[in-house]
Amino acid sequence: MNTHEIFENIFITAFRKYNWACFDSFENMMIGQLGNNFTLFLLSKYGSEWRDNYFFAKLYFKAFPDMLDSKDKDRSYHCYNLRTFERLLEYFGFIEYRDKKWNDGKIRATSLFGKYIKI
């Protein structure tokens, strides 16, 4: 964080330029990455308390219903949680997990999230 410019470039590249779907087999390439700023807003608004990761997925798909696979809602939710929380925000130290299992867990924003992301 002390080298803010370097960190900002890495974060912007990972958040906006890198294709999040590169390392999974989910059909919808845009889940999570489309509307990723909305996820940051949700985390800023609701992330101070421990919440089920599905809480955020439900709000995301309510805002972006075209991203949801109506035949397999659980798979869409898993895709969103995996790409957004496990593969991005957790790596940057912006969230922490509790009771983490394969496709489930509770998350909350870290103090680092509040220092870096201003909404």
C-alpha atoms as a PDB file:
ATOM      1  CA  MET A   1       0.000   0.000   0.000  1.00  0.00           C
ATOM      2  CA  ASN A   2       2.950   2.362   0.536  1.00  0.00           C
ATOM      3  CA  THR A   3       3.710   2.154  -3.180  1.00  0.00           C
ATOM      4  CA  HIS A   4       0.187   3.243  -4.020  1.00  0.00           C
ATOM      5  CA  GLU A   5       0.799   3.718  -7.735  1.00  0.00           C
ATOM      6  CA  ILE A   6       2.122   0.177  -8.231  1.00  0.00           C
ATOM      7  CA  PHE A   7      -0.697  -1.337  -6.184  1.00  0.00           C
ATOM      8  CA  GLU A   8      -3.287   0.701  -8.063  1.00  0.00           C
ATOM      9  CA  ASN A   9      -1.950  -0.500 -11.423  1.00  0.00           C
ATOM     10  CA  ILE A  10      -2.001  -4.125 -10.302  1.00  0.00           C
ATOM     11  CA  PHE A  11      -5.515  -3.810  -8.897  1.00  0.00           C
ATOM     12  CA  ILE A  12      -6.903  -2.047 -11.980  1.00  0.00           C
ATOM     13  CA  THR A  13      -5.339  -4.659 -14.245  1.00  0.00           C
ATOM     14  CA  ALA A  14      -6.806  -7.523 -12.211  1.00  0.00           C
ATOM     15  CA  PHE A  15     -10.156  -5.825 -11.716  1.00  0.00           C
ATOM     16  CA  ARG A  16     -10.833  -4.377 -15.161  1.00  0.00           C
ATOM     17  CA  LYS A  17      -8.434  -5.695 -17.793  1.00  0.00           C
ATOM     18  CA  TYR A  18      -7.855  -9.334 -16.850  1.00  0.00           C
ATOM     19  CA  ASN A  19     -10.513 -11.830 -17.960  1.00  0.00           C
ATOM     20  CA  TRP A  20     -11.771 -13.456 -14.756  1.00  0.00           C
ATOM     21  CA  ALA A  21     -13.101 -16.463 -16.666  1.00  0.00           C
ATOM     22  CA  CYS A  22      -9.664 -17.617 -17.841  1.00  0.00           C
ATOM     23  CA  PHE A  23      -9.213 -20.258 -15.159  1.00  0.00           C
ATOM     24  CA  ASP A  24     -12.643 -21.847 -14.813  1.00  0.00           C
ATOM     25  CA  SER A  25     -15.108 -23.786 -16.910  1.00  0.00           C
ATOM     26  CA  PHE A  26     -18.223 -21.708 -16.303  1.00  0.00           C
ATOM     27  CA  GLU A  27     -20.148 -20.986 -19.481  1.00  0.00           C
ATOM     28  CA  ASN A  28     -20.933 -17.328 -18.803  1.00  0.00           C
ATOM     29  CA  MET A  29     -17.695 -15.417 -19.253  1.00  0.00           C
ATOM     30  CA  MET A  30     -19.040 -12.176 -17.764  1.00  0.00           C
ATOM     31  CA  ILE A  31     -20.421 -13.250 -14.364  1.00  0.00           C
ATOM     32  CA  GLY A  32     -18.777 -11.182 -11.672  1.00  0.00           C
ATOM     33  CA  GLN A  33     -16.676  -9.027 -13.943  1.00  0.00           C
ATOM     34  CA  LEU A  34     -19.674  -7.277 -15.436  1.00  0.00           C
ATOM     35  CA  GLY A  35     -20.834  -4.938 -12.702  1.00  0.00           C
ATOM     36  CA  ASN A  36     -17.757  -5.448 -10.549  1.00  0.00           C
ATOM     37  CA  ASN A  37     -18.033  -1.898  -9.213  1.00  0.00           C
ATOM     38  CA  PHE A  38     -21.509  -2.810  -7.972  1.00  0.00           C
ATOM     39  CA  THR A  39     -19.919  -5.597  -5.936  1.00  0.00           C
ATOM     40  CA  LEU A  40     -17.550  -3.061  -4.378  1.00  0.00           C
ATOM     41  CA  PHE A  41     -20.564  -0.911  -3.535  1.00  0.00           C
ATOM     42  CA  LEU A  42     -22.321  -3.893  -1.929  1.00  0.00           C
ATOM     43  CA  LEU A  43     -19.235  -4.752   0.078  1.00  0.00           C
ATOM     44  CA  SER A  44     -18.896  -1.157   1.210  1.00  0.00           C
ATOM     45  CA  LYS A  45     -22.563  -1.011   2.243  1.00  0.00           C
ATOM     46  CA  TYR A  46     -22.998  -4.472   3.819  1.00  0.00           C
ATOM     47  CA  GLY A  47     -19.471  -5.757   4.375  1.00  0.00           C
ATOM     48  CA  SER A  48     -18.897  -4.483   7.906  1.00  0.00           C
ATOM     49  CA  GLU A  49     -20.779  -7.513   9.306  1.00  0.00           C
ATOM     50  CA  TRP A  50     -20.233 -11.201   8.582  1.00  0.00           C
ATOM     51  CA  ARG A  51     -22.592 -12.203   5.806  1.00  0.00           C
ATOM     52  CA  ASP A  52     -23.132 -15.368   3.832  1.00  0.00           C
ATOM     53  CA  ASN A  53     -21.431 -15.076   0.444  1.00  0.00           C
ATOM     54  CA  TYR A  54     -24.773 -15.946  -1.134  1.00  0.00           C
ATOM     55  CA  PHE A  55     -26.164 -12.714   0.322  1.00  0.00           C
ATOM     56  CA  PHE A  56     -23.959 -10.763  -2.091  1.00  0.00           C
ATOM     57  CA  ALA A  57     -24.635 -13.136  -4.993  1.00  0.00           C
ATOM     58  CA  LYS A  58     -28.403 -12.679  -4.597  1.00  0.00           C
ATOM     59  CA  LEU A  59     -28.043  -8.893  -4.737  1.00  0.00           C
ATOM     60  CA  TYR A  60     -25.672  -9.097  -7.700  1.00  0.00           C
ATOM     61  CA  PHE A  61     -28.054 -11.247  -9.745  1.00  0.00           C
ATOM     62  CA  LYS A  62     -31.008  -9.080  -8.758  1.00  0.00           C
ATOM     63  CA  ALA A  63     -29.157  -6.138 -10.319  1.00  0.00           C
ATOM     64  CA  PHE A  64     -27.893  -8.178 -13.304  1.00  0.00           C
ATOM     65  CA  PRO A  65     -30.597 -10.809 -13.966  1.00  0.00           C
ATOM     66  CA  ASP A  66     -29.321 -11.586 -17.467  1.00  0.00           C
ATOM     67  CA  MET A  67     -26.160 -13.043 -15.913  1.00  0.00           C
ATOM     68  CA  LEU A  68     -28.150 -15.683 -13.981  1.00  0.00           C
ATOM     69  CA  ASP A  69     -28.551 -19.136 -15.511  1.00  0.00           C
ATOM     70  CA  SER A  70     -32.196 -19.824 -14.716  1.00  0.00           C
ATOM     71  CA  LYS A  71     -31.645 -23.581 -15.130  1.00  0.00           C
ATOM     72  CA  ASP A  72     -28.790 -23.729 -12.618  1.00  0.00           C
ATOM     73  CA  LYS A  73     -28.947 -20.819 -10.198  1.00  0.00           C
ATOM     74  CA  ASP A  74     -26.544 -22.471  -7.728  1.00  0.00           C
ATOM     75  CA  ARG A  75     -23.874 -22.789 -10.417  1.00  0.00           C
ATOM     76  CA  SER A  76     -24.219 -19.098 -11.271  1.00  0.00           C
ATOM     77  CA  TYR A  77     -23.951 -18.163  -7.586  1.00  0.00           C
ATOM     78  CA  HIS A  78     -20.881 -20.361  -7.195  1.00  0.00           C
ATOM     79  CA  CYS A  79     -19.282 -18.788 -10.268  1.00  0.00           C
ATOM     80  CA  TYR A  80     -19.864 -15.271  -8.902  1.00  0.00           C
ATOM     81  CA  ASN A  81     -18.517 -16.113  -5.444  1.00  0.00           C
ATOM     82  CA  LEU A  82     -15.490 -17.955  -6.783  1.00  0.00           C
ATOM     83  CA  ARG A  83     -14.435 -15.302  -9.260  1.00  0.00           C
ATOM     84  CA  THR A  84     -15.267 -12.259  -7.169  1.00  0.00           C
ATOM     85  CA  PHE A  85     -14.434 -13.206  -3.612  1.00  0.00           C
ATOM     86  CA  GLU A  86     -12.068 -16.191  -3.677  1.00  0.00           C
ATOM     87  CA  ARG A  87     -10.039 -15.284  -6.760  1.00  0.00           C
ATOM     88  CA  LEU A  88      -9.915 -11.524  -6.493  1.00  0.00           C
ATOM     89  CA  LEU A  89     -10.962  -9.721  -3.351  1.00  0.00           C
ATOM     90  CA  GLU A  90      -9.515 -12.297  -0.947  1.00  0.00           C
ATOM     91  CA  TYR A  91      -6.163 -12.239  -2.784  1.00  0.00           C
ATOM     92  CA  PHE A  92      -5.976  -8.478  -2.370  1.00  0.00           C
ATOM     93  CA  GLY A  93      -6.813  -8.744   1.321  1.00  0.00           C
ATOM     94  CA  PHE A  94     -10.099  -6.856   0.897  1.00  0.00           C
ATOM     95  CA  ILE A  95     -12.259  -9.588   2.451  1.00  0.00           C
ATOM     96  CA  GLU A  96     -11.862 -12.307   5.018  1.00  0.00           C
ATOM     97  CA  TYR A  97     -13.703 -15.605   5.276  1.00  0.00           C
ATOM     98  CA  ARG A  98     -15.168 -17.432   8.242  1.00  0.00           C
ATOM     99  CA  ASP A  99     -16.595 -20.948   8.159  1.00  0.00           C
ATOM    100  CA  LYS A 100     -15.265 -21.334   4.630  1.00  0.00           C
ATOM    101  CA  LYS A 101     -16.236 -24.527   2.869  1.00  0.00           C
ATOM    102  CA  TRP A 102     -16.071 -25.545  -0.767  1.00  0.00           C
ATOM    103  CA  ASN A 103     -18.897 -23.340  -2.009  1.00  0.00           C
ATOM    104  CA  ASP A 104     -20.000 -21.523   1.091  1.00  0.00           C
ATOM    105  CA  GLY A 105     -18.821 -19.246   3.819  1.00  0.00           C
ATOM    106  CA  LYS A 106     -19.298 -15.952   5.543  1.00  0.00           C
ATOM    107  CA  ILE A 107     -17.346 -12.914   4.453  1.00  0.00           C
ATOM    108  CA  ARG A 108     -16.765  -9.387   5.579  1.00  0.00           C
ATOM    109  CA  ALA A 109     -14.680  -6.501   4.354  1.00  0.00           C
ATOM    110  CA  THR A 110     -11.301  -5.922   5.959  1.00  0.00           C
ATOM    111  CA  SER A 111      -9.938  -2.611   7.160  1.00  0.00           C
ATOM    112  CA  LEU A 112      -7.698  -2.632   4.078  1.00  0.00           C
ATOM    113  CA  PHE A 113     -10.788  -2.551   1.885  1.00  0.00           C
ATOM    114  CA  GLY A 114     -11.983   0.576   3.675  1.00  0.00           C
ATOM    115  CA  LYS A 115      -8.594   2.226   3.311  1.00  0.00           C
ATOM    116  CA  TYR A 116      -8.282   1.575  -0.406  1.00  0.00           C
ATOM    117  CA  ILE A 117     -11.868   1.569  -1.732  1.00  0.00           C
ATOM    118  CA  LYS A 118     -13.771   4.806  -1.205  1.00  0.00           C
ATOM    119  CA  ILE A 119     -17.400   4.882  -2.243  1.00  0.00           C
END
